Amino acid sequence: MKLSCLPVSLYEDIFSGKRSILDWVHFGADLGLDGIDVSVKFFPTRETQMLEAIFEEAQRAELDICTLVCYPDFTHPDAFQREREIEQMKSDVRLAATLGAKFVRVTAGQNHPGLHRKQGICWAVEGLCRVLDEAEKVGVILAYENHTKGAPWQYWDFSQPGDIFLEILGNFTDTSLKVCFDTANPLVLGEDPIALLKVVKERVVTVHVFDIRAPNSFEPVLVGTGVSPIKEVLSVLKHGGFDGWLSVEEASHTGCEGFKKATSFVRHTWGAV
């Protein structure tokens, strides 16, 4: 197992420029992580010199850039916008390769008003197929998440219900598309994370260790203090031979101590299961 972290609690500081991506690199090193996750929204501009500096600083800190987290909206009702989403996602895949990131987290798209199930699945599969081709060219692995709602989104994820997620994933059985499994997201709809995990566990390459206060809600809390069945998820994975990345999705807004407590909890829990 390798440990990374997605710094949701720092998003606004990084988006606004109050903190830099290099600050996140240094903090990740201080936390003793093996790698860090970064959001595509950290990169409003993509100057080569800046990207090289981030890659080199991560190397000096002995950190991998594990995952570039992206929010493609392949289910947008406007055909022109769907095409833009696909081309943007291809560009993001190339960004991940430049940063040295092994994985790109992808989504199906938003549950736009009036979107019918069959049409949404068709559009999501088309978008994922076309981006998968680009990812394979540059040696990056797409990890499709059982997702809820992206930071820049207006609506919930179209494939938030587990049956839709599995139907879309089922179109990629013999492909390189993998899964980024979130430990809490199914609970937002009152669904069972363990039941979903048992179906997809052979395709899981990264895990977002995330926690919420209560089922049927979406209130992030410090990892290890909510209702997410983290111990059970890690047990299923560990005893199934999982040797990939755990990424602590730290969204509790409890400061540096929150990051320290969350990463320590995940390390200890993995060792104990």
C-alpha atoms as a PDB file:
ATOM      1  CA  MET A   1       0.000   0.000   0.000  1.00  0.00           C
ATOM      2  CA  LYS A   2       1.066   3.564  -0.747  1.00  0.00           C
ATOM      3  CA  LEU A   3      -0.485   6.603   0.877  1.00  0.00           C
ATOM      4  CA  SER A   4      -1.498   9.831  -0.845  1.00  0.00           C
ATOM      5  CA  CYS A   5      -3.861  12.670   0.012  1.00  0.00           C
ATOM      6  CA  LEU A   6      -6.358  14.856  -1.834  1.00  0.00           C
ATOM      7  CA  PRO A   7      -6.306  18.229  -0.029  1.00  0.00           C
ATOM      8  CA  VAL A   8      -9.952  19.286  -0.399  1.00  0.00           C
ATOM      9  CA  SER A   9      -9.650  21.450   2.723  1.00  0.00           C
ATOM     10  CA  LEU A  10      -6.981  23.492   0.943  1.00  0.00           C
ATOM     11  CA  TYR A  11      -8.844  23.905  -2.338  1.00  0.00           C
ATOM     12  CA  GLU A  12      -9.976  27.477  -1.825  1.00  0.00           C
ATOM     13  CA  ASP A  13      -6.532  28.599  -0.655  1.00  0.00           C
ATOM     14  CA  ILE A  14      -4.888  27.033  -3.701  1.00  0.00           C
ATOM     15  CA  PHE A  15      -7.563  28.186  -6.152  1.00  0.00           C
ATOM     16  CA  SER A  16      -7.228  31.759  -4.863  1.00  0.00           C
ATOM     17  CA  GLY A  17      -3.431  31.762  -4.845  1.00  0.00           C
ATOM     18  CA  LYS A  18      -3.153  32.075  -1.072  1.00  0.00           C
ATOM     19  CA  ARG A  19      -1.206  28.815  -1.184  1.00  0.00           C
ATOM     20  CA  SER A  20       0.756  27.387  -4.081  1.00  0.00           C
ATOM     21  CA  ILE A  21       0.997  23.879  -5.454  1.00  0.00           C
ATOM     22  CA  LEU A  22       4.583  23.819  -4.195  1.00  0.00           C
ATOM     23  CA  ASP A  23       3.257  24.565  -0.710  1.00  0.00           C
ATOM     24  CA  TRP A  24       1.129  21.438  -1.043  1.00  0.00           C
ATOM     25  CA  VAL A  25       4.151  19.431  -2.191  1.00  0.00           C
ATOM     26  CA  HIS A  26       6.105  20.520   0.894  1.00  0.00           C
ATOM     27  CA  PHE A  27       3.181  19.838   3.235  1.00  0.00           C
ATOM     28  CA  GLY A  28       2.717  16.374   1.713  1.00  0.00           C
ATOM     29  CA  ALA A  29       6.367  15.640   2.410  1.00  0.00           C
ATOM     30  CA  ASP A  30       5.985  16.859   6.006  1.00  0.00           C
ATOM     31  CA  LEU A  31       3.051  14.459   6.439  1.00  0.00           C
ATOM     32  CA  GLY A  32       5.298  11.573   5.399  1.00  0.00           C
ATOM     33  CA  LEU A  33       3.169  10.676   2.407  1.00  0.00           C
ATOM     34  CA  ASP A  34       4.313   8.502  -0.483  1.00  0.00           C
ATOM     35  CA  GLY A  35       2.558  10.793  -2.928  1.00  0.00           C
ATOM     36  CA  ILE A  36       0.030  13.572  -3.361  1.00  0.00           C
ATOM     37  CA  ASP A  37      -3.105  14.077  -5.409  1.00  0.00           C
ATOM     38  CA  VAL A  38      -3.771  17.339  -7.243  1.00  0.00           C
ATOM     39  CA  SER A  39      -6.925  18.806  -8.728  1.00  0.00           C
ATOM     40  CA  VAL A  40      -6.971  19.896 -12.349  1.00  0.00           C
ATOM     41  CA  LYS A  41      -8.380  23.187 -11.020  1.00  0.00           C
ATOM     42  CA  PHE A  42      -4.936  23.873  -9.515  1.00  0.00           C
ATOM     43  CA  PHE A  43      -3.747  24.566 -13.067  1.00  0.00           C
ATOM     44  CA  PRO A  44      -5.630  27.509 -14.609  1.00  0.00           C
ATOM     45  CA  THR A  45      -2.468  28.061 -16.643  1.00  0.00           C
ATOM     46  CA  ARG A  46      -0.050  25.389 -17.759  1.00  0.00           C
ATOM     47  CA  GLU A  47       3.311  26.979 -18.455  1.00  0.00           C
ATOM     48  CA  THR A  48       5.977  24.374 -19.099  1.00  0.00           C
ATOM     49  CA  GLN A  49       8.388  25.976 -16.639  1.00  0.00           C
ATOM     50  CA  MET A  50       5.826  25.822 -13.813  1.00  0.00           C
ATOM     51  CA  LEU A  51       4.930  22.185 -14.489  1.00  0.00           C
ATOM     52  CA  GLU A  52       8.596  21.209 -14.606  1.00  0.00           C
ATOM     53  CA  ALA A  53       9.208  22.991 -11.291  1.00  0.00           C
ATOM     54  CA  ILE A  54       6.361  21.080  -9.632  1.00  0.00           C
ATOM     55  CA  PHE A  55       7.589  17.752 -10.989  1.00  0.00           C
ATOM     56  CA  GLU A  56      11.169  18.443  -9.911  1.00  0.00           C
ATOM     57  CA  GLU A  57      10.180  19.602  -6.420  1.00  0.00           C
ATOM     58  CA  ALA A  58       8.078  16.474  -5.921  1.00  0.00           C
ATOM     59  CA  GLN A  59      11.049  14.394  -7.007  1.00  0.00           C
ATOM     60  CA  ARG A  60      13.318  16.188  -4.527  1.00  0.00           C
ATOM     61  CA  ALA A  61      10.767  15.561  -1.786  1.00  0.00           C
ATOM     62  CA  GLU A  62      10.634  11.876  -2.800  1.00  0.00           C
ATOM     63  CA  LEU A  63       6.914  12.174  -3.531  1.00  0.00           C
ATOM     64  CA  ASP A  64       4.981  10.738  -6.422  1.00  0.00           C
ATOM     65  CA  ILE A  65       2.225  12.814  -7.947  1.00  0.00           C
ATOM     66  CA  CYS A  66      -0.261  10.005  -7.693  1.00  0.00           C
ATOM     67  CA  THR A  67      -3.504  11.249  -9.263  1.00  0.00           C
ATOM     68  CA  LEU A  68      -4.721  14.241 -11.233  1.00  0.00           C
ATOM     69  CA  VAL A  69      -8.352  14.639 -10.171  1.00  0.00           C
ATOM     70  CA  CYS A  70     -10.598  15.768 -13.049  1.00  0.00           C
ATOM     71  CA  TYR A  71     -14.303  16.511 -13.454  1.00  0.00           C
ATOM     72  CA  PRO A  72     -15.330  15.776 -17.061  1.00  0.00           C
ATOM     73  CA  ASP A  73     -19.008  16.335 -17.842  1.00  0.00           C
ATOM     74  CA  PHE A  74     -19.580  13.825 -20.619  1.00  0.00           C
ATOM     75  CA  THR A  75     -23.357  13.929 -20.065  1.00  0.00           C
ATOM     76  CA  HIS A  76     -23.878  17.598 -20.902  1.00  0.00           C
ATOM     77  CA  PRO A  77     -27.030  17.987 -23.058  1.00  0.00           C
ATOM     78  CA  ASP A  78     -25.323  20.285 -25.572  1.00  0.00           C
ATOM     79  CA  ALA A  79     -23.361  18.354 -28.210  1.00  0.00           C
ATOM     80  CA  PHE A  80     -20.844  21.160 -28.691  1.00  0.00           C
ATOM     81  CA  GLN A  81     -20.132  21.262 -24.954  1.00  0.00           C
ATOM     82  CA  ARG A  82     -19.751  17.464 -24.805  1.00  0.00           C
ATOM     83  CA  GLU A  83     -17.131  17.707 -27.531  1.00  0.00           C
ATOM     84  CA  ARG A  84     -15.345  20.448 -25.577  1.00  0.00           C
ATOM     85  CA  GLU A  85     -15.403  18.274 -22.455  1.00  0.00           C
ATOM     86  CA  ILE A  86     -13.796  15.386 -24.342  1.00  0.00           C
ATOM     87  CA  GLU A  87     -11.076  17.549 -25.872  1.00  0.00           C
ATOM     88  CA  GLN A  88     -10.412  19.246 -22.525  1.00  0.00           C
ATOM     89  CA  MET A  89     -10.138  15.864 -20.847  1.00  0.00           C
ATOM     90  CA  LYS A  90      -7.631  14.707 -23.454  1.00  0.00           C
ATOM     91  CA  SER A  91      -5.599  17.825 -22.658  1.00  0.00           C
ATOM     92  CA  ASP A  92      -5.864  17.011 -18.943  1.00  0.00           C
ATOM     93  CA  VAL A  93      -4.569  13.495 -19.587  1.00  0.00           C
ATOM     94  CA  ARG A  94      -1.527  15.002 -21.278  1.00  0.00           C
ATOM     95  CA  LEU A  95      -1.112  17.348 -18.296  1.00  0.00           C
ATOM     96  CA  ALA A  96      -1.086  14.323 -15.993  1.00  0.00           C
ATOM     97  CA  ALA A  97       1.639  12.712 -18.092  1.00  0.00           C
ATOM     98  CA  THR A  98       3.720  15.905 -17.932  1.00  0.00           C
ATOM     99  CA  LEU A  99       3.388  15.978 -14.141  1.00  0.00           C
ATOM    100  CA  GLY A 100       4.378  12.325 -13.902  1.00  0.00           C
ATOM    101  CA  ALA A 101       0.979  11.337 -12.477  1.00  0.00           C
ATOM    102  CA  LYS A 102       0.169   7.674 -12.965  1.00  0.00           C
ATOM    103  CA  PHE A 103      -3.610   8.069 -12.619  1.00  0.00           C
ATOM    104  CA  VAL A 104      -6.339  10.436 -13.744  1.00  0.00           C
ATOM    105  CA  ARG A 105      -9.619  10.395 -11.820  1.00  0.00           C
ATOM    106  CA  VAL A 106     -12.536  10.641 -14.235  1.00  0.00           C
ATOM    107  CA  THR A 107     -16.279  11.077 -13.825  1.00  0.00           C
ATOM    108  CA  ALA A 108     -19.287  10.349 -16.016  1.00  0.00           C
ATOM    109  CA  GLY A 109     -20.783  13.819 -15.869  1.00  0.00           C
ATOM    110  CA  GLN A 110     -23.589  15.688 -14.201  1.00  0.00           C
ATOM    111  CA  ASN A 111     -27.187  14.576 -13.827  1.00  0.00           C
ATOM    112  CA  HIS A 112     -28.550  17.431 -15.904  1.00  0.00           C
ATOM    113  CA  PRO A 113     -32.305  18.093 -15.639  1.00  0.00           C
ATOM    114  CA  GLY A 114     -34.277  15.970 -18.085  1.00  0.00           C
ATOM    115  CA  LEU A 115     -31.387  13.601 -18.808  1.00  0.00           C
ATOM    116  CA  HIS A 116     -32.698  10.108 -19.507  1.00  0.00           C
ATOM    117  CA  ARG A 117     -30.801   7.089 -18.235  1.00  0.00           C
ATOM    118  CA  LYS A 118     -30.185   5.431 -21.611  1.00  0.00           C
ATOM    119  CA  GLN A 119     -28.959   8.655 -23.236  1.00  0.00           C
ATOM    120  CA  GLY A 120     -26.737   9.565 -20.287  1.00  0.00           C
ATOM    121  CA  ILE A 121     -25.101   6.157 -20.282  1.00  0.00           C
ATOM    122  CA  CYS A 122     -24.506   6.382 -24.033  1.00  0.00           C
ATOM    123  CA  TRP A 123     -22.845   9.794 -23.757  1.00  0.00           C
ATOM    124  CA  ALA A 124     -20.750   8.771 -20.731  1.00  0.00           C
ATOM    125  CA  VAL A 125     -19.491   5.646 -22.469  1.00  0.00           C
ATOM    126  CA  GLU A 126     -18.613   7.605 -25.614  1.00  0.00           C
ATOM    127  CA  GLY A 127     -16.681  10.208 -23.657  1.00  0.00           C
ATOM    128  CA  LEU A 128     -14.792   7.662 -21.581  1.00  0.00           C
ATOM    129  CA  CYS A 129     -13.938   5.619 -24.701  1.00  0.00           C
ATOM    130  CA  ARG A 130     -12.453   8.572 -26.529  1.00  0.00           C
ATOM    131  CA  VAL A 131     -10.409   9.761 -23.556  1.00  0.00           C
ATOM    132  CA  LEU A 132      -9.262   6.214 -22.796  1.00  0.00           C
ATOM    133  CA  ASP A 133      -7.590   6.097 -26.207  1.00  0.00           C
ATOM    134  CA  GLU A 134      -5.603   9.245 -25.354  1.00  0.00           C
ATOM    135  CA  ALA A 135      -4.649   7.919 -21.918  1.00  0.00           C
ATOM    136  CA  GLU A 136      -3.295   4.708 -23.390  1.00  0.00           C
ATOM    137  CA  LYS A 137      -1.160   6.687 -25.844  1.00  0.00           C
ATOM    138  CA  VAL A 138       0.610   8.600 -23.051  1.00  0.00           C
ATOM    139  CA  GLY A 139       0.751   5.802 -20.479  1.00  0.00           C
ATOM    140  CA  VAL A 140      -1.742   7.207 -17.961  1.00  0.00           C
ATOM    141  CA  ILE A 141      -4.413   5.079 -16.250  1.00  0.00           C
ATOM    142  CA  LEU A 142      -7.990   6.380 -16.131  1.00  0.00           C
ATOM    143  CA  ALA A 143      -9.688   5.646 -12.799  1.00  0.00           C
ATOM    144  CA  TYR A 144     -13.481   6.059 -12.928  1.00  0.00           C
ATOM    145  CA  GLU A 145     -14.968   7.072  -9.570  1.00  0.00           C
ATOM    146  CA  ASN A 146     -18.241   6.221  -7.854  1.00  0.00           C
ATOM    147  CA  HIS A 147     -18.672   9.952  -7.490  1.00  0.00           C
ATOM    148  CA  THR A 148     -21.129  12.414  -5.943  1.00  0.00           C
ATOM    149  CA  LYS A 149     -20.584  16.053  -6.943  1.00  0.00           C
ATOM    150  CA  GLY A 150     -17.550  17.810  -8.395  1.00  0.00           C
ATOM    151  CA  ALA A 151     -16.222  21.023  -6.899  1.00  0.00           C
ATOM    152  CA  PRO A 152     -17.120  23.072 -10.034  1.00  0.00           C
ATOM    153  CA  TRP A 153     -20.441  21.311 -10.707  1.00  0.00           C
ATOM    154  CA  GLN A 154     -24.038  22.481 -10.332  1.00  0.00           C
ATOM    155  CA  TYR A 155     -25.642  19.020 -10.249  1.00  0.00           C
ATOM    156  CA  TRP A 156     -24.924  15.621  -8.721  1.00  0.00           C
ATOM    157  CA  ASP A 157     -23.102  12.968 -10.728  1.00  0.00           C
ATOM    158  CA  PHE A 158     -25.269  11.155 -13.269  1.00  0.00           C
ATOM    159  CA  SER A 159     -23.705   7.838 -12.255  1.00  0.00           C
ATOM    160  CA  GLN A 160     -24.038   8.451  -8.518  1.00  0.00           C
ATOM    161  CA  PRO A 161     -26.531   5.538  -8.226  1.00  0.00           C
ATOM    162  CA  GLY A 162     -24.531   2.323  -8.062  1.00  0.00           C
ATOM    163  CA  ASP A 163     -26.533   0.545 -10.746  1.00  0.00           C
ATOM    164  CA  ILE A 164     -25.772   3.269 -13.303  1.00  0.00           C
ATOM    165  CA  PHE A 165     -22.095   3.327 -12.305  1.00  0.00           C
ATOM    166  CA  LEU A 166     -21.876  -0.441 -12.801  1.00  0.00           C
ATOM    167  CA  GLU A 167     -23.723  -0.338 -16.133  1.00  0.00           C
ATOM    168  CA  ILE A 168     -21.288   2.239 -17.487  1.00  0.00           C
ATOM    169  CA  LEU A 169     -18.295   0.338 -16.108  1.00  0.00           C
ATOM    170  CA  GLY A 170     -19.627  -2.873 -17.651  1.00  0.00           C
ATOM    171  CA  ASN A 171     -19.020  -1.414 -21.107  1.00  0.00           C
ATOM    172  CA  PHE A 172     -15.274  -1.445 -20.373  1.00  0.00           C
ATOM    173  CA  THR A 173     -14.712  -5.009 -19.155  1.00  0.00           C
ATOM    174  CA  ASP A 174     -11.821  -5.751 -21.501  1.00  0.00           C
ATOM    175  CA  THR A 175     -10.205  -2.311 -21.433  1.00  0.00           C
ATOM    176  CA  SER A 176      -7.646  -0.456 -19.350  1.00  0.00           C
ATOM    177  CA  LEU A 177     -10.318   1.612 -17.533  1.00  0.00           C
ATOM    178  CA  LYS A 178      -9.948   1.094 -13.781  1.00  0.00           C
ATOM    179  CA  VAL A 179     -11.802   2.274 -10.663  1.00  0.00           C
ATOM    180  CA  CYS A 180     -11.163   4.956  -8.080  1.00  0.00           C
ATOM    181  CA  PHE A 181     -13.291   3.695  -5.192  1.00  0.00           C
ATOM    182  CA  ASP A 182     -14.709   6.199  -2.720  1.00  0.00           C
ATOM    183  CA  THR A 183     -15.419   4.823   0.750  1.00  0.00           C
ATOM    184  CA  ALA A 184     -18.313   7.169   1.596  1.00  0.00           C
ATOM    185  CA  ASN A 185     -20.027   8.314  -1.593  1.00  0.00           C
ATOM    186  CA  PRO A 186     -22.550   5.421  -1.831  1.00  0.00           C
ATOM    187  CA  LEU A 187     -23.828   6.368   1.634  1.00  0.00           C
ATOM    188  CA  VAL A 188     -25.007   9.731   0.305  1.00  0.00           C
ATOM    189  CA  LEU A 189     -27.809   7.835  -1.463  1.00  0.00           C
ATOM    190  CA  GLY A 190     -28.211   5.360   1.390  1.00  0.00           C
ATOM    191  CA  GLU A 191     -26.426   2.624  -0.573  1.00  0.00           C
ATOM    192  CA  ASP A 192     -23.907   0.095   0.768  1.00  0.00           C
ATOM    193  CA  PRO A 193     -20.235   0.841  -0.068  1.00  0.00           C
ATOM    194  CA  ILE A 194     -19.156  -2.718   0.756  1.00  0.00           C
ATOM    195  CA  ALA A 195     -21.663  -4.274  -1.637  1.00  0.00           C
ATOM    196  CA  LEU A 196     -20.384  -2.069  -4.458  1.00  0.00           C
ATOM    197  CA  LEU A 197     -16.756  -2.676  -3.547  1.00  0.00           C
ATOM    198  CA  LYS A 198     -17.169  -6.446  -3.726  1.00  0.00           C
ATOM    199  CA  VAL A 199     -18.361  -6.107  -7.320  1.00  0.00           C
ATOM    200  CA  VAL A 200     -15.537  -3.818  -8.498  1.00  0.00           C
ATOM    201  CA  LYS A 201     -12.633  -4.706  -6.193  1.00  0.00           C
ATOM    202  CA  GLU A 202     -10.596  -6.424  -8.910  1.00  0.00           C
ATOM    203  CA  ARG A 203     -10.536  -3.165 -10.901  1.00  0.00           C
ATOM    204  CA  VAL A 204      -9.717  -0.785  -8.043  1.00  0.00           C
ATOM    205  CA  VAL A 205      -6.363   0.982  -8.412  1.00  0.00           C
ATOM    206  CA  THR A 206      -6.900   3.984  -6.144  1.00  0.00           C
ATOM    207  CA  VAL A 207      -9.129   4.562  -3.120  1.00  0.00           C
ATOM    208  CA  HIS A 208     -10.489   7.875  -1.883  1.00  0.00           C
ATOM    209  CA  VAL A 209     -10.710   7.392   1.871  1.00  0.00           C
ATOM    210  CA  PHE A 210     -13.507   9.805   2.639  1.00  0.00           C
ATOM    211  CA  ASP A 211     -15.918  10.219   5.539  1.00  0.00           C
ATOM    212  CA  ILE A 212     -19.301  11.879   6.104  1.00  0.00           C
ATOM    213  CA  ARG A 213     -21.314  12.631   9.213  1.00  0.00           C
ATOM    214  CA  ALA A 214     -24.449  10.596   8.431  1.00  0.00           C
ATOM    215  CA  PRO A 215     -26.053   8.457   5.703  1.00  0.00           C
ATOM    216  CA  ASN A 216     -28.268  10.234   3.170  1.00  0.00           C
ATOM    217  CA  SER A 217     -26.296  13.457   3.627  1.00  0.00           C
ATOM    218  CA  PHE A 218     -23.163  15.037   2.229  1.00  0.00           C
ATOM    219  CA  GLU A 219     -21.389  16.636   5.181  1.00  0.00           C
ATOM    220  CA  PRO A 220     -17.669  15.800   5.182  1.00  0.00           C
ATOM    221  CA  VAL A 221     -16.031  15.123   8.537  1.00  0.00           C
ATOM    222  CA  LEU A 222     -12.558  14.196   9.717  1.00  0.00           C
ATOM    223  CA  VAL A 223     -11.695  10.783   8.276  1.00  0.00           C
ATOM    224  CA  GLY A 224     -12.329   8.143  10.912  1.00  0.00           C
ATOM    225  CA  THR A 225     -15.004  10.073  12.831  1.00  0.00           C
ATOM    226  CA  GLY A 226     -18.042   9.565  10.592  1.00  0.00           C
ATOM    227  CA  VAL A 227     -20.117   6.688   9.211  1.00  0.00           C
ATOM    228  CA  SER A 228     -17.916   5.565   6.322  1.00  0.00           C
ATOM    229  CA  PRO A 229     -17.037   1.857   6.760  1.00  0.00           C
ATOM    230  CA  ILE A 230     -13.341   2.549   6.270  1.00  0.00           C
ATOM    231  CA  LYS A 231     -12.060  -0.384   8.303  1.00  0.00           C
ATOM    232  CA  GLU A 232     -14.305  -2.800   6.410  1.00  0.00           C
ATOM    233  CA  VAL A 233     -13.338  -1.344   3.013  1.00  0.00           C
ATOM    234  CA  LEU A 234      -9.635  -1.601   3.778  1.00  0.00           C
ATOM    235  CA  SER A 235     -10.080  -5.136   5.091  1.00  0.00           C
ATOM    236  CA  VAL A 236     -11.803  -6.285   1.894  1.00  0.00           C
ATOM    237  CA  LEU A 237      -9.054  -4.706  -0.188  1.00  0.00           C
ATOM    238  CA  LYS A 238      -6.100  -5.886   1.884  1.00  0.00           C
ATOM    239  CA  HIS A 239      -7.296  -9.471   2.152  1.00  0.00           C
ATOM    240  CA  GLY A 240      -8.032  -9.408  -1.563  1.00  0.00           C
ATOM    241  CA  GLY A 241      -4.393  -8.592  -2.310  1.00  0.00           C
ATOM    242  CA  PHE A 242      -4.762  -4.871  -3.016  1.00  0.00           C
ATOM    243  CA  ASP A 243      -1.372  -3.173  -3.211  1.00  0.00           C
ATOM    244  CA  GLY A 244      -2.329   0.144  -4.792  1.00  0.00           C
ATOM    245  CA  TRP A 245      -2.844   3.682  -3.558  1.00  0.00           C
ATOM    246  CA  LEU A 246      -4.958   4.914  -0.674  1.00  0.00           C
ATOM    247  CA  SER A 247      -5.680   8.628  -0.962  1.00  0.00           C
ATOM    248  CA  VAL A 248      -7.011  10.376   2.129  1.00  0.00           C
ATOM    249  CA  GLU A 249      -9.688  12.796   0.950  1.00  0.00           C
ATOM    250  CA  GLU A 250      -9.236  15.425   3.647  1.00  0.00           C
ATOM    251  CA  ALA A 251     -12.279  17.709   3.539  1.00  0.00           C
ATOM    252  CA  SER A 252     -12.939  18.371   7.230  1.00  0.00           C
ATOM    253  CA  HIS A 253     -11.492  21.910   7.301  1.00  0.00           C
ATOM    254  CA  THR A 254      -9.842  21.214  10.653  1.00  0.00           C
ATOM    255  CA  GLY A 255      -6.428  22.615   9.732  1.00  0.00           C
ATOM    256  CA  CYS A 256      -3.044  20.934   9.731  1.00  0.00           C
ATOM    257  CA  GLU A 257      -4.083  18.721  12.643  1.00  0.00           C
ATOM    258  CA  GLY A 258      -6.916  17.357  10.538  1.00  0.00           C
ATOM    259  CA  PHE A 259      -4.483  16.208   7.864  1.00  0.00           C
ATOM    260  CA  LYS A 260      -2.196  14.641  10.472  1.00  0.00           C
ATOM    261  CA  LYS A 261      -5.012  12.818  12.258  1.00  0.00           C
ATOM    262  CA  ALA A 262      -6.605  11.590   9.022  1.00  0.00           C
ATOM    263  CA  THR A 263      -3.402  10.228   7.491  1.00  0.00           C
ATOM    264  CA  SER A 264      -2.383   8.639  10.803  1.00  0.00           C
ATOM    265  CA  PHE A 265      -5.811   6.995  11.113  1.00  0.00           C
ATOM    266  CA  VAL A 266      -5.598   5.467   7.639  1.00  0.00           C
ATOM    267  CA  ARG A 267      -2.045   4.182   8.186  1.00  0.00           C
ATOM    268  CA  HIS A 268      -3.003   2.610  11.517  1.00  0.00           C
ATOM    269  CA  THR A 269      -6.236   1.118  10.181  1.00  0.00           C
ATOM    270  CA  TRP A 270      -4.512  -0.456   7.183  1.00  0.00           C
ATOM    271  CA  GLY A 271      -1.925  -2.000   9.475  1.00  0.00           C
ATOM    272  CA  ALA A 272      -4.582  -3.350  11.832  1.00  0.00           C
ATOM    273  CA  VAL A 273      -7.017  -5.005   9.391  1.00  0.00           C
END
